[in-house]
N, C-alpha and C. Protein backbone atom coordinates (compact mmCIF):
# COMPACT_ATOMS: atom_id res chain seq x y z
N UNK A 1 9.26 -13.34 3.96
CA UNK A 1 9.72 -11.84 3.89
C UNK A 1 9.19 -10.88 5.10
N UNK A 2 10.06 -9.89 5.21
CA UNK A 2 9.51 -9.24 6.13
C UNK A 2 9.64 -7.95 5.17
N UNK A 3 8.79 -6.84 5.66
CA UNK A 3 8.68 -5.60 4.62
C UNK A 3 9.93 -4.54 4.79
N UNK A 4 11.08 -5.06 5.70
CA UNK A 4 12.59 -4.55 5.86
C UNK A 4 13.16 -4.94 4.96
N UNK A 5 12.90 -6.19 4.28
CA UNK A 5 14.09 -7.21 3.59
C UNK A 5 13.98 -6.60 1.90
N UNK A 6 15.31 -6.03 1.66
CA UNK A 6 15.43 -5.46 0.05
C UNK A 6 16.16 -6.38 -0.72
N UNK A 7 15.71 -6.96 -1.85
CA UNK A 7 16.22 -7.60 -2.81
C UNK A 7 17.82 -7.18 -3.06
N UNK A 8 18.78 -8.30 -3.47
CA UNK A 8 20.35 -7.58 -3.91
C UNK A 8 19.78 -6.64 -4.83
N UNK A 9 20.57 -5.19 -4.71
CA UNK A 9 20.53 -4.32 -5.72
C UNK A 9 19.44 -3.23 -5.84
N UNK A 10 18.37 -3.87 -4.65
CA UNK A 10 16.93 -2.98 -4.82
C UNK A 10 17.35 -1.60 -4.24
N UNK A 11 16.59 -0.54 -4.38
CA UNK A 11 17.14 0.67 -3.47
C UNK A 11 15.57 1.62 -3.20
N UNK A 12 15.50 1.58 -1.98
CA UNK A 12 14.39 2.19 -1.25
C UNK A 12 14.09 3.35 -1.53
N UNK A 13 12.87 3.86 -2.29
CA UNK A 13 12.50 4.90 -2.59
C UNK A 13 11.83 5.87 -1.03
N UNK A 14 11.23 5.14 -0.38
CA UNK A 14 10.39 5.89 0.90
C UNK A 14 9.23 4.77 1.76
N UNK A 15 9.26 5.07 2.67
CA UNK A 15 8.15 4.06 3.77
C UNK A 15 7.29 4.94 4.38
N UNK A 16 5.85 4.51 4.41
CA UNK A 16 4.78 5.34 4.47
C UNK A 16 3.93 4.52 5.60
N UNK A 17 3.21 5.03 6.71
CA UNK A 17 2.92 4.17 7.98
C UNK A 17 1.56 4.21 7.38
N UNK A 18 0.63 3.56 7.01
CA UNK A 18 -0.96 4.09 6.60
C UNK A 18 -1.79 2.90 6.91
N UNK A 19 -2.96 2.63 6.13
CA UNK A 19 -4.08 2.16 6.13
C UNK A 19 -4.36 1.85 4.70
N UNK A 20 -4.19 0.11 4.39
CA UNK A 20 -4.89 -0.42 3.29
C UNK A 20 -6.18 -0.81 2.93
N UNK A 21 -7.10 -0.41 2.02
CA UNK A 21 -8.45 -0.35 2.38
C UNK A 21 -8.54 -1.48 1.23
N UNK A 22 -9.08 -2.64 1.87
CA UNK A 22 -9.64 -3.92 0.96
C UNK A 22 -10.53 -3.69 0.47
N UNK A 23 -10.80 -4.44 -1.05
CA UNK A 23 -12.01 -4.27 -1.94
C UNK A 23 -13.54 -4.80 -1.24
N UNK A 24 -12.92 -5.63 -0.09
CA UNK A 24 -14.32 -6.12 0.54
C UNK A 24 -14.46 -5.32 1.63
N UNK A 25 -13.91 -4.28 1.67
CA UNK A 25 -14.30 -3.41 2.79
C UNK A 25 -13.17 -3.36 4.36
N UNK A 26 -12.29 -4.23 4.17
CA UNK A 26 -11.19 -4.11 5.45
C UNK A 26 -10.64 -2.89 5.15
N UNK A 27 -9.63 -2.89 6.23
CA UNK A 27 -8.73 -1.75 6.61
C UNK A 27 -7.91 -2.25 7.43
N UNK A 28 -6.51 -2.38 6.95
CA UNK A 28 -5.66 -2.66 7.88
C UNK A 28 -4.29 -1.55 7.59
N UNK A 29 -3.81 -1.48 9.00
CA UNK A 29 -2.92 -0.49 9.37
C UNK A 29 -1.05 -1.42 9.55
N UNK A 30 -0.81 -0.44 8.69
CA UNK A 30 0.70 -1.13 8.41
C UNK A 30 1.68 -0.15 7.78
N UNK A 31 2.64 -0.72 7.37
CA UNK A 31 3.85 0.12 6.78
C UNK A 31 4.30 -0.34 5.02
N UNK A 32 3.71 0.77 4.08
CA UNK A 32 3.99 0.75 2.97
C UNK A 32 5.59 1.09 2.46
N UNK A 33 6.30 -0.02 1.97
CA UNK A 33 7.93 0.34 1.76
C UNK A 33 7.47 0.25 0.08
N UNK A 34 8.08 1.64 -0.55
CA UNK A 34 7.85 1.94 -1.96
C UNK A 34 9.89 1.32 -2.60
N UNK A 35 9.94 0.62 -3.43
CA UNK A 35 11.64 0.53 -4.08
C UNK A 35 11.42 0.69 -5.64
N UNK A 36 12.91 0.88 -6.13
CA UNK A 36 12.72 1.20 -7.43
C UNK A 36 12.24 -0.14 -8.08
N UNK A 37 11.57 -1.48 -7.51
CA UNK A 37 11.53 -2.81 -8.12
C UNK A 37 10.15 -3.12 -7.81
N UNK A 38 9.41 -2.49 -6.95
CA UNK A 38 8.34 -2.86 -6.28
C UNK A 38 7.74 -1.98 -4.82
N UNK A 39 6.62 -2.31 -4.56
CA UNK A 39 5.91 -1.73 -3.41
C UNK A 39 5.57 -2.89 -2.64
N UNK A 40 5.86 -2.84 -1.35
CA UNK A 40 5.44 -3.77 -0.81
C UNK A 40 4.75 -3.13 0.98
N UNK A 41 3.37 -3.62 1.38
CA UNK A 41 2.90 -3.19 2.16
C UNK A 41 2.90 -4.28 3.46
N UNK A 42 3.29 -4.26 4.68
CA UNK A 42 3.11 -5.59 5.60
C UNK A 42 1.79 -4.65 6.57
N UNK A 43 0.95 -5.72 6.69
CA UNK A 43 -0.30 -5.25 7.45
C UNK A 43 0.25 -5.57 9.25
N UNK A 44 0.01 -4.58 9.91
CA UNK A 44 -0.02 -5.08 11.43
C UNK A 44 -0.78 -5.38 11.81
N UNK A 45 -1.93 -4.75 12.05
CA UNK A 45 -3.30 -4.90 12.37
C UNK A 45 -4.06 -4.93 11.93
N UNK A 46 -5.61 -5.32 11.92
CA UNK A 46 -7.08 -5.04 11.64
C UNK A 46 -7.45 -3.58 12.01
N UNK A 47 -7.02 -2.67 11.31
CA UNK A 47 -7.83 -1.04 12.05
C UNK A 47 -9.46 -0.74 11.39
N UNK A 48 -10.40 -1.85 10.91
CA UNK A 48 -11.59 -1.63 10.51
C UNK A 48 -12.34 -1.64 11.79
N UNK A 49 -13.50 -0.59 11.95
CA UNK A 49 -14.29 -0.29 12.30
C UNK A 49 -14.44 -2.04 13.28
N UNK A 50 -14.55 -1.78 14.83
CA UNK A 50 -14.78 -2.78 15.35
C UNK A 50 -13.70 -4.01 15.10
N UNK A 51 -13.14 -4.01 14.27
CA UNK A 51 -12.06 -4.88 14.04
C UNK A 51 -10.96 -5.17 15.16
N UNK A 52 -10.94 -6.92 15.49
CA UNK A 52 -10.20 -7.26 16.45
C UNK A 52 -9.23 -8.44 15.88
N UNK A 53 -8.10 -7.86 15.09
CA UNK A 53 -7.48 -8.69 14.70
C UNK A 53 -8.31 -10.10 14.22
N UNK A 54 -8.86 -9.69 12.98
CA UNK A 54 -9.49 -11.02 12.47
C UNK A 54 -8.75 -11.79 12.10
N UNK A 55 -9.04 -13.01 10.75
CA UNK A 55 -8.21 -13.84 10.37
C UNK A 55 -7.23 -13.25 9.34
N UNK A 56 -7.60 -11.46 9.13
CA UNK A 56 -6.55 -10.93 8.02
C UNK A 56 -6.99 -11.99 6.82
N UNK A 57 -8.12 -12.10 6.33
CA UNK A 57 -8.37 -12.84 5.43
C UNK A 57 -7.72 -12.71 3.92
N UNK A 58 -7.79 -11.33 3.83
CA UNK A 58 -7.05 -11.24 2.32
C UNK A 58 -5.62 -11.39 2.17
N UNK A 59 -4.97 -11.59 3.51
CA UNK A 59 -3.68 -12.22 3.89
C UNK A 59 -3.51 -13.56 3.97
N UNK A 60 -3.94 -14.30 4.23
CA UNK A 60 -4.03 -15.52 4.70
C UNK A 60 -3.02 -16.61 4.33
N UNK A 61 -2.44 -16.05 3.09
CA UNK A 61 -1.15 -17.13 2.26
C UNK A 61 0.16 -16.11 2.53
N UNK A 62 -0.33 -15.10 2.81
CA UNK A 62 0.97 -14.27 2.43
C UNK A 62 1.55 -13.52 3.90
N UNK A 63 1.16 -14.09 5.18
CA UNK A 63 1.09 -13.28 6.47
C UNK A 63 1.13 -12.04 6.69
N UNK A 64 0.27 -11.36 6.06
CA UNK A 64 0.04 -10.08 5.97
C UNK A 64 0.89 -8.90 5.36
N UNK A 65 1.38 -9.49 3.81
CA UNK A 65 2.10 -8.94 3.00
C UNK A 65 1.78 -8.82 1.60
N UNK A 66 1.37 -7.86 1.15
CA UNK A 66 0.95 -7.20 0.16
C UNK A 66 2.41 -6.61 -1.15
N UNK A 67 2.38 -7.45 -2.02
CA UNK A 67 3.82 -7.26 -3.07
C UNK A 67 3.15 -6.75 -4.20
N UNK A 68 3.93 -5.62 -4.53
CA UNK A 68 2.91 -5.22 -6.10
C UNK A 68 4.40 -4.65 -7.20
N UNK A 69 4.88 -5.61 -7.75
CA UNK A 69 6.04 -5.13 -8.83
C UNK A 69 5.68 -4.18 -9.80
N UNK A 70 6.88 -3.42 -9.59
CA UNK A 70 6.35 -1.87 -10.19
C UNK A 70 5.95 -1.82 -11.62
N UNK A 71 6.45 -2.69 -12.22
CA UNK A 71 6.22 -2.85 -13.91
C UNK A 71 4.81 -3.02 -13.94
N UNK A 72 3.92 -3.21 -13.25
CA UNK A 72 2.30 -3.87 -13.50
C UNK A 72 1.84 -2.62 -12.71
N UNK A 73 2.40 -1.77 -12.58
CA UNK A 73 1.63 -0.03 -11.82
C UNK A 73 1.15 0.50 -13.47
N UNK A 74 0.29 0.81 -13.73
CA UNK A 74 -0.20 1.81 -14.79
C UNK A 74 -0.37 3.21 -14.33
N UNK A 75 -1.01 3.41 -13.40
CA UNK A 75 -1.08 4.74 -12.81
C UNK A 75 -1.62 5.04 -11.12
N UNK A 76 -1.41 6.17 -11.00
CA UNK A 76 -2.02 6.51 -9.42
C UNK A 76 -2.93 7.58 -9.47
N UNK A 77 -4.03 7.32 -8.75
CA UNK A 77 -4.86 8.55 -8.77
C UNK A 77 -4.67 8.90 -7.04
N UNK A 78 -4.79 10.25 -6.47
CA UNK A 78 -4.93 10.79 -5.72
C UNK A 78 -6.33 11.33 -5.52
N UNK A 79 -6.95 11.33 -4.37
CA UNK A 79 -8.30 11.31 -4.00
C UNK A 79 -8.68 11.67 -2.44
N UNK A 80 -9.68 11.26 -2.21
CA UNK A 80 -10.02 11.72 -0.23
C UNK A 80 -10.53 13.23 -0.22
N UNK A 81 -11.17 12.90 1.12
CA UNK A 81 -11.43 14.10 1.59
C UNK A 81 -10.51 14.74 2.65
N UNK A 82 -10.93 15.45 3.49
CA UNK A 82 -10.23 16.38 4.42
C UNK A 82 -9.41 15.06 5.64
N UNK A 83 -10.23 14.04 6.05
CA UNK A 83 -9.83 13.35 6.61
C UNK A 83 -9.04 12.28 6.24
N UNK A 84 -9.84 11.75 5.29
CA UNK A 84 -8.92 10.51 4.25
C UNK A 84 -8.28 10.59 2.83
N UNK A 85 -7.50 11.04 3.06
CA UNK A 85 -6.05 11.44 1.79
C UNK A 85 -6.03 10.16 1.22
N UNK A 86 -6.48 9.86 0.06
CA UNK A 86 -5.76 8.54 -0.40
C UNK A 86 -5.07 8.65 -1.71
N UNK A 87 -4.35 7.16 -1.45
CA UNK A 87 -3.74 6.98 -2.87
C UNK A 87 -4.35 5.67 -4.02
N UNK A 88 -4.60 5.59 -5.14
CA UNK A 88 -5.44 4.34 -5.41
C UNK A 88 -4.03 4.08 -6.59
N UNK A 89 -3.25 2.82 -6.62
CA UNK A 89 -2.73 2.37 -7.52
C UNK A 89 -3.50 1.55 -8.12
N UNK A 90 -3.37 1.85 -9.72
CA UNK A 90 -3.90 1.11 -10.84
C UNK A 90 -2.91 -0.06 -11.12
N UNK A 91 -3.41 -1.16 -11.61
CA UNK A 91 -2.78 -2.01 -12.29
C UNK A 91 -2.75 -2.55 -13.70
N UNK A 92 -1.77 -3.07 -14.27
CA UNK A 92 -2.03 -3.47 -15.50
C UNK A 92 -3.31 -3.90 -15.92
N UNK A 93 -3.89 -4.71 -15.06
CA UNK A 93 -5.54 -5.58 -15.42
C UNK A 93 -6.44 -5.27 -15.01
N UNK A 94 -6.09 -3.87 -14.03
CA UNK A 94 -7.23 -2.76 -13.72
C UNK A 94 -7.50 -2.53 -12.16
N UNK A 95 -6.68 -3.65 -11.82
CA UNK A 95 -6.78 -4.07 -10.32
C UNK A 95 -6.27 -2.52 -9.57
N UNK A 96 -7.00 -1.92 -8.36
CA UNK A 96 -7.16 -0.98 -7.76
C UNK A 96 -6.36 -1.23 -6.51
N UNK A 97 -5.64 -0.82 -5.93
CA UNK A 97 -5.20 -1.04 -4.50
C UNK A 97 -4.85 0.58 -4.00
N UNK A 98 -5.91 0.53 -2.60
CA UNK A 98 -5.98 1.71 -2.26
C UNK A 98 -5.37 1.99 -0.65
N UNK A 99 -4.32 3.19 -0.67
CA UNK A 99 -3.81 3.38 0.54
C UNK A 99 -4.70 4.85 1.12
N UNK A 100 -4.61 4.70 2.61
CA UNK A 100 -5.66 5.94 3.07
C UNK A 100 -4.18 6.50 4.29
N UNK A 101 -4.06 7.65 3.89
CA UNK A 101 -2.75 7.99 5.08
C UNK A 101 -3.45 9.14 6.22
N UNK A 102 -5.18 8.87 6.04
CA UNK A 102 -5.92 9.96 7.29
C UNK A 102 -5.58 11.61 6.76
N UNK A 103 -5.38 11.98 7.79
CA UNK A 103 -4.84 13.92 7.71
C UNK A 103 -3.44 13.91 6.45
N UNK A 104 -2.67 13.15 6.68
CA UNK A 104 -1.40 13.46 5.89
C UNK A 104 -1.36 13.40 4.81
N UNK A 105 -0.79 14.28 4.20
CA UNK A 105 -0.67 14.76 2.54
C UNK A 105 -0.23 13.41 1.79
N UNK A 106 -0.30 13.45 0.50
CA UNK A 106 -0.30 12.15 -0.44
C UNK A 106 0.28 12.26 -1.74
N UNK A 107 1.18 13.90 -1.90
CA UNK A 107 2.00 14.08 -2.62
C UNK A 107 3.21 12.91 -2.96
N UNK A 108 3.69 13.38 -2.31
CA UNK A 108 5.17 12.72 -2.11
C UNK A 108 4.92 10.85 -2.12
N UNK A 109 3.92 10.51 -1.62
CA UNK A 109 3.64 9.06 -1.65
C UNK A 109 3.11 8.68 -3.38
N UNK A 110 2.29 9.18 -3.60
CA UNK A 110 1.79 9.41 -5.48
C UNK A 110 3.12 9.56 -6.04
N UNK A 111 4.11 10.56 -6.01
CA UNK A 111 5.11 10.54 -7.05
C UNK A 111 5.93 9.62 -6.66
N UNK A 112 5.90 9.07 -5.78
CA UNK A 112 7.18 7.77 -5.46
C UNK A 112 6.34 6.78 -6.45
N UNK A 113 5.50 6.31 -6.46
CA UNK A 113 4.64 5.29 -6.49
C UNK A 113 4.37 5.20 -8.18
N UNK A 114 4.25 6.47 -8.81
CA UNK A 114 3.99 6.66 -10.04
C UNK A 114 4.91 5.91 -11.22
N UNK A 115 4.49 5.01 -12.37
CA UNK A 115 5.20 4.86 -12.99
C UNK A 115 6.40 6.07 -13.73
N UNK A 116 7.58 5.43 -13.49
CA UNK A 116 8.68 6.13 -13.70
C UNK A 116 8.93 7.16 -12.39
N UNK A 117 8.27 6.96 -11.37
CA UNK A 117 8.56 8.22 -10.15
C UNK A 117 9.60 7.53 -9.21
N UNK A 118 10.29 6.09 -9.19
CA UNK A 118 11.53 5.48 -8.76
C UNK A 118 12.80 6.30 -9.31
């Protein structure tokens, strides 16, 4: 599956180029697409300091794709500072997925992801 593929009847809400921050400290640059049914992030490359396309360990079986069904999203938190504006997606099991937009604003992204936001 590619990040550009939508399911039949699925509606795209928006897309953002950003970094996905893993809990293990990885940083992957790619495209986050938000639809009315799910969020999916397609990693393009390892953007970790000193990273030179490691094995993409958190994506080993998914070819760099993270898919989050919207029904699992329980909340969204905006955070970060001047150079690191971030959105954390909180799932029904408490798991957090953090997306970093750098200098770019996160208000529209957070609104699109929020429960009931699509």
